PDB file of N, CA and C in Angstrom:
ATOM      1  N   MET A   1     -46.689 -31.938  26.280  1.00  0.00           N
ATOM      2  CA  MET A   1     -46.451 -31.544  27.656  1.00  0.00           C
ATOM      3  C   MET A   1     -47.800 -31.372  28.341  1.00  0.00           C
ATOM      4  N   GLY A   2     -47.978 -31.999  29.448  1.00  0.00           N
ATOM      5  CA  GLY A   2     -49.247 -31.963  30.158  1.00  0.00           C
ATOM      6  C   GLY A   2     -49.393 -30.738  31.034  1.00  0.00           C
ATOM      7  N   PHE A   3     -50.612 -30.505  31.456  1.00  0.00           N
ATOM      8  CA  PHE A   3     -50.933 -29.385  32.331  1.00  0.00           C
ATOM      9  C   PHE A   3     -50.858 -29.876  33.771  1.00  0.00           C
ATOM     10  N   SER A   4     -50.208 -29.158  34.648  1.00  0.00           N
ATOM     11  CA  SER A   4     -50.055 -29.568  36.043  1.00  0.00           C
ATOM     12  C   SER A   4     -51.372 -29.416  36.803  1.00  0.00           C
ATOM     13  N   THR A   5     -51.759 -30.446  37.502  1.00  0.00           N
ATOM     14  CA  THR A   5     -52.971 -30.413  38.322  1.00  0.00           C
ATOM     15  C   THR A   5     -52.621 -30.387  39.800  1.00  0.00           C
ATOM     16  N   ARG A   6     -51.411 -30.019  40.111  1.00  0.00           N
ATOM     17  CA  ARG A   6     -50.916 -30.043  41.486  1.00  0.00           C
ATOM     18  C   ARG A   6     -51.730 -29.167  42.429  1.00  0.00           C
ATOM     19  N   GLY A   7     -52.212 -28.035  41.990  1.00  0.00           N
ATOM     20  CA  GLY A   7     -52.968 -27.130  42.851  1.00  0.00           C
ATOM     21  C   GLY A   7     -54.465 -27.417  42.874  1.00  0.00           C
ATOM     22  N   PHE A   8     -54.904 -28.459  42.176  1.00  0.00           N
ATOM     23  CA  PHE A   8     -56.326 -28.776  42.095  1.00  0.00           C
ATOM     24  C   PHE A   8     -56.768 -29.600  43.303  1.00  0.00           C
ATOM     25  N   SER A   9     -58.044 -29.456  43.657  1.00  0.00           N
ATOM     26  CA  SER A   9     -58.612 -30.335  44.691  1.00  0.00           C
ATOM     27  C   SER A   9     -59.057 -31.650  44.040  1.00  0.00           C
ATOM     28  N   ASP A  10     -59.472 -32.609  44.832  1.00  0.00           N
ATOM     29  CA  ASP A  10     -59.809 -33.939  44.317  1.00  0.00           C
ATOM     30  C   ASP A  10     -60.985 -33.927  43.335  1.00  0.00           C
ATOM     31  N   ASP A  11     -61.933 -33.009  43.514  1.00  0.00           N
ATOM     32  CA  ASP A  11     -63.107 -33.015  42.642  1.00  0.00           C
ATOM     33  C   ASP A  11     -62.954 -32.093  41.420  1.00  0.00           C
ATOM     34  N   GLU A  12     -61.754 -31.586  41.149  1.00  0.00           N
ATOM     35  CA  GLU A  12     -61.521 -30.706  39.998  1.00  0.00           C
ATOM     36  C   GLU A  12     -60.809 -31.475  38.888  1.00  0.00           C
ATOM     37  N   ASP A  13     -61.286 -31.292  37.665  1.00  0.00           N
ATOM     38  CA  ASP A  13     -60.682 -31.895  36.483  1.00  0.00           C
ATOM     39  C   ASP A  13     -60.507 -30.831  35.405  1.00  0.00           C
ATOM     40  N   ILE A  14     -59.624 -31.088  34.469  1.00  0.00           N
ATOM     41  CA  ILE A  14     -59.431 -30.206  33.322  1.00  0.00           C
ATOM     42  C   ILE A  14     -60.389 -30.665  32.234  1.00  0.00           C
ATOM     43  N   GLU A  15     -61.295 -29.812  31.845  1.00  0.00           N
ATOM     44  CA  GLU A  15     -62.231 -30.133  30.771  1.00  0.00           C
ATOM     45  C   GLU A  15     -61.661 -29.726  29.420  1.00  0.00           C
ATOM     46  N   LEU A  16     -61.084 -28.545  29.362  1.00  0.00           N
ATOM     47  CA  LEU A  16     -60.478 -28.039  28.127  1.00  0.00           C
ATOM     48  C   LEU A  16     -59.132 -27.420  28.434  1.00  0.00           C
ATOM     49  N   HIS A  17     -58.162 -27.741  27.629  1.00  0.00           N
ATOM     50  CA  HIS A  17     -56.853 -27.101  27.720  1.00  0.00           C
ATOM     51  C   HIS A  17     -56.706 -26.281  26.435  1.00  0.00           C
ATOM     52  N   LEU A  18     -56.890 -24.978  26.539  1.00  0.00           N
ATOM     53  CA  LEU A  18     -56.890 -24.104  25.374  1.00  0.00           C
ATOM     54  C   LEU A  18     -55.562 -23.360  25.262  1.00  0.00           C
ATOM     55  N   HIS A  19     -55.215 -23.041  24.055  1.00  0.00           N
ATOM     56  CA  HIS A  19     -54.026 -22.241  23.770  1.00  0.00           C
ATOM     57  C   HIS A  19     -54.395 -21.229  22.692  1.00  0.00           C
ATOM     58  N   PRO A  20     -53.600 -20.167  22.531  1.00  0.00           N
ATOM     59  CA  PRO A  20     -53.938 -19.152  21.528  1.00  0.00           C
ATOM     60  C   PRO A  20     -53.907 -19.747  20.115  1.00  0.00           C
ATOM     61  N   HIS A  21     -54.814 -19.263  19.297  1.00  0.00           N
ATOM     62  CA  HIS A  21     -54.840 -19.668  17.892  1.00  0.00           C
ATOM     63  C   HIS A  21     -53.621 -19.083  17.196  1.00  0.00           C
ATOM     64  N   TRP A  22     -53.145 -19.743  16.169  1.00  0.00           N
ATOM     65  CA  TRP A  22     -51.954 -19.266  15.472  1.00  0.00           C
ATOM     66  C   TRP A  22     -52.157 -17.898  14.842  1.00  0.00           C
ATOM     67  N   LEU A  23     -53.410 -17.493  14.587  1.00  0.00           N
ATOM     68  CA  LEU A  23     -53.665 -16.171  14.022  1.00  0.00           C
ATOM     69  C   LEU A  23     -53.258 -15.040  14.976  1.00  0.00           C
ATOM     70  N   VAL A  24     -53.180 -15.348  16.277  1.00  0.00           N
ATOM     71  CA  VAL A  24     -52.755 -14.341  17.245  1.00  0.00           C
ATOM     72  C   VAL A  24     -51.348 -13.848  16.907  1.00  0.00           C
ATOM     73  N   PHE A  25     -50.541 -14.734  16.364  1.00  0.00           N
ATOM     74  CA  PHE A  25     -49.157 -14.393  16.038  1.00  0.00           C
ATOM     75  C   PHE A  25     -49.001 -13.882  14.612  1.00  0.00           C
ATOM     76  N   ALA A  26     -50.043 -13.936  13.819  1.00  0.00           N
ATOM     77  CA  ALA A  26     -49.946 -13.524  12.425  1.00  0.00           C
ATOM     78  C   ALA A  26     -49.698 -12.026  12.286  1.00  0.00           C
ATOM     79  N   LYS A  27     -50.432 -11.194  13.037  1.00  0.00           N
ATOM     80  CA  LYS A  27     -50.264  -9.740  12.906  1.00  0.00           C
ATOM     81  C   LYS A  27     -48.868  -9.285  13.320  1.00  0.00           C
ATOM     82  N   PRO A  28     -48.357  -9.678  14.510  1.00  0.00           N
ATOM     83  CA  PRO A  28     -46.986  -9.268  14.843  1.00  0.00           C
ATOM     84  C   PRO A  28     -45.949  -9.817  13.862  1.00  0.00           C
ATOM     85  N   GLY A  29     -46.173 -11.051  13.401  1.00  0.00           N
ATOM     86  CA  GLY A  29     -45.244 -11.624  12.423  1.00  0.00           C
ATOM     87  C   GLY A  29     -45.256 -10.852  11.122  1.00  0.00           C
ATOM     88  N   LEU A  30     -46.433 -10.476  10.681  1.00  0.00           N
ATOM     89  CA  LEU A  30     -46.562  -9.694   9.454  1.00  0.00           C
ATOM     90  C   LEU A  30     -45.923  -8.320   9.616  1.00  0.00           C
ATOM     91  N   MET A  31     -46.109  -7.707  10.786  1.00  0.00           N
ATOM     92  CA  MET A  31     -45.511  -6.392  11.041  1.00  0.00           C
ATOM     93  C   MET A  31     -43.985  -6.465  11.022  1.00  0.00           C
ATOM     94  N   ILE A  32     -43.425  -7.551  11.541  1.00  0.00           N
ATOM     95  CA  ILE A  32     -41.966  -7.722  11.514  1.00  0.00           C
ATOM     96  C   ILE A  32     -41.482  -7.834  10.078  1.00  0.00           C
ATOM     97  N   ILE A  33     -42.187  -8.636   9.288  1.00  0.00           N
ATOM     98  CA  ILE A  33     -41.798  -8.808   7.888  1.00  0.00           C
ATOM     99  C   ILE A  33     -41.904  -7.484   7.138  1.00  0.00           C
ATOM    100  N   LEU A  34     -43.018  -6.739   7.352  1.00  0.00           N
ATOM    101  CA  LEU A  34     -43.177  -5.443   6.694  1.00  0.00           C
ATOM    102  C   LEU A  34     -42.116  -4.454   7.180  1.00  0.00           C
ATOM    103  N   GLY A  35     -41.726  -4.496   8.525  1.00  0.00           N
ATOM    104  CA  GLY A  35     -40.678  -3.597   9.006  1.00  0.00           C
ATOM    105  C   GLY A  35     -39.339  -3.889   8.380  1.00  0.00           C
ATOM    106  N   LEU A  36     -39.072  -5.258   8.092  1.00  0.00           N
ATOM    107  CA  LEU A  36     -37.798  -5.644   7.485  1.00  0.00           C
ATOM    108  C   LEU A  36     -37.694  -5.189   6.040  1.00  0.00           C
ATOM    109  N   PHE A  37     -38.822  -5.261   5.307  1.00  0.00           N
ATOM    110  CA  PHE A  37     -38.790  -4.952   3.882  1.00  0.00           C
ATOM    111  C   PHE A  37     -39.370  -3.582   3.555  1.00  0.00           C
ATOM    112  N   GLY A  38     -39.936  -2.911   4.541  1.00  0.00           N
ATOM    113  CA  GLY A  38     -40.483  -1.580   4.315  1.00  0.00           C
ATOM    114  C   GLY A  38     -39.363  -0.556   4.200  1.00  0.00           C
ATOM    115  N   ARG A  39     -39.720   0.588   3.712  1.00  0.00           N
ATOM    116  CA  ARG A  39     -38.719   1.636   3.548  1.00  0.00           C
ATOM    117  C   ARG A  39     -39.407   2.985   3.690  1.00  0.00           C
ATOM    118  N   GLN A  40     -38.724   3.888   4.353  1.00  0.00           N
ATOM    119  CA  GLN A  40     -39.250   5.235   4.507  1.00  0.00           C
ATOM    120  C   GLN A  40     -38.095   6.203   4.317  1.00  0.00           C
ATOM    121  N   ARG A  41     -38.348   7.289   3.652  1.00  0.00           N
ATOM    122  CA  ARG A  41     -37.300   8.264   3.381  1.00  0.00           C
ATOM    123  C   ARG A  41     -37.856   9.652   3.636  1.00  0.00           C
ATOM    124  N   LEU A  42     -37.053  10.460   4.315  1.00  0.00           N
ATOM    125  CA  LEU A  42     -37.442  11.829   4.593  1.00  0.00           C
ATOM    126  C   LEU A  42     -36.300  12.733   4.155  1.00  0.00           C
ATOM    127  N   GLU A  43     -36.627  13.718   3.372  1.00  0.00           N
ATOM    128  CA  GLU A  43     -35.615  14.663   2.907  1.00  0.00           C
ATOM    129  C   GLU A  43     -36.022  16.070   3.302  1.00  0.00           C
ATOM    130  N   ILE A  44     -35.060  16.805   3.837  1.00  0.00           N
ATOM    131  CA  ILE A  44     -35.259  18.215   4.154  1.00  0.00           C
ATOM    132  C   ILE A  44     -34.149  18.970   3.438  1.00  0.00           C
ATOM    133  N   PRO A  45     -34.482  19.862   2.535  1.00  0.00           N
ATOM    134  CA  PRO A  45     -33.434  20.634   1.876  1.00  0.00           C
ATOM    135  C   PRO A  45     -32.622  21.427   2.905  1.00  0.00           C
ATOM    136  N   LEU A  46     -31.315  21.461   2.725  1.00  0.00           N
ATOM    137  CA  LEU A  46     -30.436  22.112   3.707  1.00  0.00           C
ATOM    138  C   LEU A  46     -30.781  23.579   3.909  1.00  0.00           C
ATOM    139  N   GLN A  47     -31.245  24.246   2.861  1.00  0.00           N
ATOM    140  CA  GLN A  47     -31.574  25.667   3.012  1.00  0.00           C
ATOM    141  C   GLN A  47     -32.807  25.887   3.876  1.00  0.00           C
ATOM    142  N   ARG A  48     -33.592  24.845   4.129  1.00  0.00           N
ATOM    143  CA  ARG A  48     -34.776  24.971   4.981  1.00  0.00           C
ATOM    144  C   ARG A  48     -34.501  24.598   6.435  1.00  0.00           C
ATOM    145  N   VAL A  49     -33.320  24.101   6.730  1.00  0.00           N
ATOM    146  CA  VAL A  49     -33.002  23.716   8.104  1.00  0.00           C
ATOM    147  C   VAL A  49     -32.699  24.976   8.908  1.00  0.00           C
ATOM    148  N   ASN A  50     -33.481  25.191   9.965  1.00  0.00           N
ATOM    149  CA  ASN A  50     -33.280  26.351  10.832  1.00  0.00           C
ATOM    150  C   ASN A  50     -32.378  26.023  12.014  1.00  0.00           C
ATOM    151  N   ASN A  51     -32.561  24.855  12.594  1.00  0.00           N
ATOM    152  CA  ASN A  51     -31.824  24.494  13.795  1.00  0.00           C
ATOM    153  C   ASN A  51     -31.753  22.976  13.904  1.00  0.00           C
ATOM    154  N   VAL A  52     -30.663  22.490  14.484  1.00  0.00           N
ATOM    155  CA  VAL A  52     -30.496  21.057  14.728  1.00  0.00           C
ATOM    156  C   VAL A  52     -30.086  20.890  16.181  1.00  0.00           C
ATOM    157  N   MET A  53     -30.812  20.041  16.901  1.00  0.00           N
ATOM    158  CA  MET A  53     -30.515  19.798  18.314  1.00  0.00           C
ATOM    159  C   MET A  53     -30.474  18.295  18.548  1.00  0.00           C
ATOM    160  N   PHE A  54     -29.925  17.903  19.695  1.00  0.00           N
ATOM    161  CA  PHE A  54     -30.035  16.512  20.096  1.00  0.00           C
ATOM    162  C   PHE A  54     -30.338  16.449  21.579  1.00  0.00           C
ATOM    163  N   GLU A  55     -31.021  15.394  21.972  1.00  0.00           N
ATOM    164  CA  GLU A  55     -31.379  15.170  23.371  1.00  0.00           C
ATOM    165  C   GLU A  55     -30.962  13.767  23.765  1.00  0.00           C
ATOM    166  N   GLN A  56     -30.440  13.649  24.995  1.00  0.00           N
ATOM    167  CA  GLN A  56     -30.045  12.351  25.532  1.00  0.00           C
ATOM    168  C   GLN A  56     -30.439  12.273  26.992  1.00  0.00           C
ATOM    169  N   SER A  57     -31.024  11.161  27.371  1.00  0.00           N
ATOM    170  CA  SER A  57     -31.256  10.902  28.785  1.00  0.00           C
ATOM    171  C   SER A  57     -29.946  10.364  29.373  1.00  0.00           C
ATOM    172  N   PHE A  58     -29.928  10.171  30.667  1.00  0.00           N
ATOM    173  CA  PHE A  58     -28.730   9.650  31.310  1.00  0.00           C
ATOM    174  C   PHE A  58     -28.366   8.270  30.744  1.00  0.00           C
ATOM    175  N   LEU A  59     -29.364   7.397  30.613  1.00  0.00           N
ATOM    176  CA  LEU A  59     -29.115   6.064  30.070  1.00  0.00           C
ATOM    177  C   LEU A  59     -28.654   6.135  28.615  1.00  0.00           C
ATOM    178  N   GLU A  60     -29.265   7.035  27.843  1.00  0.00           N
ATOM    179  CA  GLU A  60     -28.863   7.185  26.442  1.00  0.00           C
ATOM    180  C   GLU A  60     -27.428   7.688  26.323  1.00  0.00           C
ATOM    181  N   ARG A  61     -26.998   8.530  27.270  1.00  0.00           N
ATOM    182  CA  ARG A  61     -25.602   8.985  27.259  1.00  0.00           C
ATOM    183  C   ARG A  61     -24.645   7.831  27.484  1.00  0.00           C
ATOM    184  N   ILE A  62     -25.049   6.898  28.343  1.00  0.00           N
ATOM    185  CA  ILE A  62     -24.194   5.744  28.636  1.00  0.00           C
ATOM    186  C   ILE A  62     -24.010   4.885  27.388  1.00  0.00           C
ATOM    187  N   VAL A  63     -25.088   4.680  26.622  1.00  0.00           N
ATOM    188  CA  VAL A  63     -25.011   3.822  25.439  1.00  0.00           C
ATOM    189  C   VAL A  63     -24.779   4.620  24.151  1.00  0.00           C
ATOM    190  N   ASN A  64     -24.548   5.926  24.276  1.00  0.00           N
ATOM    191  CA  ASN A  64     -24.283   6.823  23.149  1.00  0.00           C
ATOM    192  C   ASN A  64     -25.398   6.772  22.104  1.00  0.00           C
ATOM    193  N   ALA A  65     -26.608   7.038  22.563  1.00  0.00           N
ATOM    194  CA  ALA A  65     -27.773   7.114  21.685  1.00  0.00           C
ATOM    195  C   ALA A  65     -28.569   8.353  22.074  1.00  0.00           C
ATOM    196  N   GLY A  66     -29.551   8.702  21.275  1.00  0.00           N
ATOM    197  CA  GLY A  66     -30.394   9.844  21.603  1.00  0.00           C
ATOM    198  C   GLY A  66     -31.271  10.236  20.443  1.00  0.00           C
ATOM    199  N   ASP A  67     -31.928  11.373  20.582  1.00  0.00           N
ATOM    200  CA  ASP A  67     -32.843  11.872  19.564  1.00  0.00           C
ATOM    201  C   ASP A  67     -32.224  13.093  18.893  1.00  0.00           C
ATOM    202  N   VAL A  68     -32.331  13.151  17.580  1.00  0.00           N
ATOM    203  CA  VAL A  68     -31.886  14.310  16.815  1.00  0.00           C
ATOM    204  C   VAL A  68     -33.138  15.042  16.356  1.00  0.00           C
ATOM    205  N   ILE A  69     -33.203  16.345  16.652  1.00  0.00           N
ATOM    206  CA  ILE A  69     -34.367  17.165  16.318  1.00  0.00           C
ATOM    207  C   ILE A  69     -33.950  18.201  15.285  1.00  0.00           C
ATOM    208  N   VAL A  70     -34.655  18.206  14.156  1.00  0.00           N
ATOM    209  CA  VAL A  70     -34.362  19.145  13.075  1.00  0.00           C
ATOM    210  C   VAL A  70     -35.555  20.081  12.938  1.00  0.00           C
ATOM    211  N   GLU A  71     -35.302  21.368  13.138  1.00  0.00           N
ATOM    212  CA  GLU A  71     -36.326  22.389  12.917  1.00  0.00           C
ATOM    213  C   GLU A  71     -36.153  22.915  11.500  1.00  0.00           C
ATOM    214  N   SER A  72     -37.236  22.864  10.737  1.00  0.00           N
ATOM    215  CA  SER A  72     -37.153  23.361   9.372  1.00  0.00           C
ATOM    216  C   SER A  72     -38.230  24.396   9.128  1.00  0.00           C
ATOM    217  N   GLY A  73     -37.997  25.242   8.154  1.00  0.00           N
ATOM    218  CA  GLY A  73     -38.971  26.260   7.805  1.00  0.00           C
ATOM    219  C   GLY A  73     -40.123  25.710   6.985  1.00  0.00           C
ATOM    220  N   ALA A  74     -40.014  24.456   6.559  1.00  0.00           N
ATOM    221  CA  ALA A  74     -41.036  23.874   5.700  1.00  0.00           C
ATOM    222  C   ALA A  74     -42.310  23.537   6.461  1.00  0.00           C
ATOM    223  N   ASP A  75     -42.179  23.072   7.679  1.00  0.00           N
ATOM    224  CA  ASP A  75     -43.341  22.643   8.456  1.00  0.00           C
ATOM    225  C   ASP A  75     -43.435  23.429   9.752  1.00  0.00           C
ATOM    226  N   ASP A  76     -44.596  23.342  10.377  1.00  0.00           N
ATOM    227  CA  ASP A  76     -44.760  23.944  11.693  1.00  0.00           C
ATOM    228  C   ASP A  76     -44.231  23.041  12.800  1.00  0.00           C
ATOM    229  N   ARG A  77     -43.922  21.806  12.462  1.00  0.00           N
ATOM    230  CA  ARG A  77     -43.466  20.860  13.481  1.00  0.00           C
ATOM    231  C   ARG A  77     -42.018  20.469  13.229  1.00  0.00           C
ATOM    232  N   ASP A  78     -41.366  20.025  14.280  1.00  0.00           N
ATOM    233  CA  ASP A  78     -39.988  19.565  14.179  1.00  0.00           C
ATOM    234  C   ASP A  78     -39.966  18.120  13.704  1.00  0.00           C
ATOM    235  N   VAL A  79     -38.879  17.739  13.059  1.00  0.00           N
ATOM    236  CA  VAL A  79     -38.680  16.357  12.652  1.00  0.00           C
ATOM    237  C   VAL A  79     -37.759  15.728  13.683  1.00  0.00           C
ATOM    238  N   VAL A  80     -38.205  14.633  14.295  1.00  0.00           N
ATOM    239  CA  VAL A  80     -37.448  13.983  15.358  1.00  0.00           C
ATOM    240  C   VAL A  80     -37.020  12.604  14.876  1.00  0.00           C
ATOM    241  N   PHE A  81     -35.731  12.335  14.946  1.00  0.00           N
ATOM    242  CA  PHE A  81     -35.181  11.024  14.642  1.00  0.00           C
ATOM    243  C   PHE A  81     -34.857  10.364  15.976  1.00  0.00           C
ATOM    244  N   ASP A  82     -35.697   9.401  16.359  1.00  0.00           N
ATOM    245  CA  ASP A  82     -35.582   8.751  17.662  1.00  0.00           C
ATOM    246  C   ASP A  82     -34.482   7.694  17.673  1.00  0.00           C
ATOM    247  N   ASN A  83     -33.889   7.521  18.855  1.00  0.00           N
ATOM    248  CA  ASN A  83     -32.939   6.443  19.126  1.00  0.00           C
ATOM    249  C   ASN A  83     -31.829   6.358  18.080  1.00  0.00           C
ATOM    250  N   THR A  84     -31.229   7.494  17.818  1.00  0.00           N
ATOM    251  CA  THR A  84     -30.161   7.584  16.834  1.00  0.00           C
ATOM    252  C   THR A  84     -28.825   7.321  17.510  1.00  0.00           C
ATOM    253  N   PRO A  85     -27.969   6.501  16.896  1.00  0.00           N
ATOM    254  CA  PRO A  85     -26.645   6.314  17.472  1.00  0.00           C
ATOM    255  C   PRO A  85     -25.796   7.581  17.286  1.00  0.00           C
ATOM    256  N   ASP A  86     -25.026   7.917  18.298  1.00  0.00           N
ATOM    257  CA  ASP A  86     -24.120   9.071  18.295  1.00  0.00           C
ATOM    258  C   ASP A  86     -24.802  10.349  17.793  1.00  0.00           C
ATOM    259  N   PRO A  87     -25.824  10.834  18.510  1.00  0.00           N
ATOM    260  CA  PRO A  87     -26.588  11.996  18.038  1.00  0.00           C
ATOM    261  C   PRO A  87     -25.765  13.282  17.978  1.00  0.00           C
ATOM    262  N   GLU A  88     -24.766  13.416  18.827  1.00  0.00           N
ATOM    263  CA  GLU A  88     -23.937  14.630  18.800  1.00  0.00           C
ATOM    264  C   GLU A  88     -23.148  14.718  17.494  1.00  0.00           C
ATOM    265  N   PHE A  89     -22.639  13.594  17.023  1.00  0.00           N
ATOM    266  CA  PHE A  89     -21.909  13.555  15.749  1.00  0.00           C
ATOM    267  C   PHE A  89     -22.839  13.905  14.597  1.00  0.00           C
ATOM    268  N   ILE A  90     -24.054  13.350  14.614  1.00  0.00           N
ATOM    269  CA  ILE A  90     -25.013  13.599  13.542  1.00  0.00           C
ATOM    270  C   ILE A  90     -25.430  15.070  13.534  1.00  0.00           C
ATOM    271  N   GLN A  91     -25.645  15.644  14.709  1.00  0.00           N
ATOM    272  CA  GLN A  91     -26.001  17.063  14.791  1.00  0.00           C
ATOM    273  C   GLN A  91     -24.885  17.917  14.196  1.00  0.00           C
ATOM    274  N   ALA A  92     -23.648  17.647  14.577  1.00  0.00           N
ATOM    275  CA  ALA A  92     -22.512  18.425  14.075  1.00  0.00           C
ATOM    276  C   ALA A  92     -22.362  18.277  12.560  1.00  0.00           C
ATOM    277  N   LYS A  93     -22.561  17.075  12.058  1.00  0.00           N
ATOM    278  CA  LYS A  93     -22.441  16.833  10.617  1.00  0.00           C
ATOM    279  C   LYS A  93     -23.503  17.600   9.832  1.00  0.00           C
ATOM    280  N   ILE A  94     -24.743  17.597  10.328  1.00  0.00           N
ATOM    281  CA  ILE A  94     -25.810  18.343   9.648  1.00  0.00           C
ATOM    282  C   ILE A  94     -25.520  19.836   9.700  1.00  0.00           C
ATOM    283  N   GLN A  95     -25.072  20.338  10.851  1.00  0.00           N
ATOM    284  CA  GLN A  95     -24.775  21.768  10.972  1.00  0.00           C
ATOM    285  C   GLN A  95     -23.629  22.183  10.043  1.00  0.00           C
ATOM    286  N   ARG A  96     -22.609  21.344   9.915  1.00  0.00           N
ATOM    287  CA  ARG A  96     -21.520  21.657   8.979  1.00  0.00           C
ATOM    288  C   ARG A  96     -22.034  21.711   7.550  1.00  0.00           C
ATOM    289  N   ALA A  97     -22.910  20.785   7.171  1.00  0.00           N
ATOM    290  CA  ALA A  97     -23.479  20.772   5.828  1.00  0.00           C
ATOM    291  C   ALA A  97     -24.324  22.005   5.574  1.00  0.00           C
ATOM    292  N   VAL A  98     -25.087  22.443   6.571  1.00  0.00           N
ATOM    293  CA  VAL A  98     -25.916  23.659   6.435  1.00  0.00           C
ATOM    294  C   VAL A  98     -25.016  24.876   6.263  1.00  0.00           C
ATOM    295  N   ARG A  99     -23.936  24.963   7.051  1.00  0.00           N
ATOM    296  CA  ARG A  99     -23.026  26.112   6.926  1.00  0.00           C
ATOM    297  C   ARG A  99     -22.328  26.139   5.566  1.00  0.00           C
ATOM    298  N   ARG A 100     -21.940  24.967   5.039  1.00  0.00           N
ATOM    299  CA  ARG A 100     -21.291  24.907   3.728  1.00  0.00           C
ATOM    300  C   ARG A 100     -22.264  25.333   2.632  1.00  0.00           C
ATOM    301  N   LYS A 101     -23.538  25.003   2.777  1.00  0.00           N
ATOM    302  CA  LYS A 101     -24.549  25.308   1.769  1.00  0.00           C
ATOM    303  C   LYS A 101     -24.902  26.785   1.762  1.00  0.00           C
ATOM    304  N   SER A 102     -24.739  27.454   2.901  1.00  0.00           N
ATOM    305  CA  SER A 102     -25.102  28.877   3.015  1.00  0.00           C
ATOM    306  C   SER A 102     -24.163  29.771   2.279  1.00  0.00           C
TER     307      SER A 102
END
């Protein structure tokens, strides 16, 4: 496929037609492959869970997604699970499990 010279004046020519090197796509491609085969696991013992909350924006409410926030006594920071489907159900399920364990 040629390069359009429609906007060029009469004394302008294309000397080089450059395109990105294939290595430009190597890093994102590698990251996709690593995301597909990578694995991460986080465990919080139920007895350490202090509070479970969920947050949804207006758009997230429409598509039934949101963030689940777990406060635990183990760390000073909260654990946030982003873009979780049906966060209200997940919050209720975790809270029921915590109550059963108590």
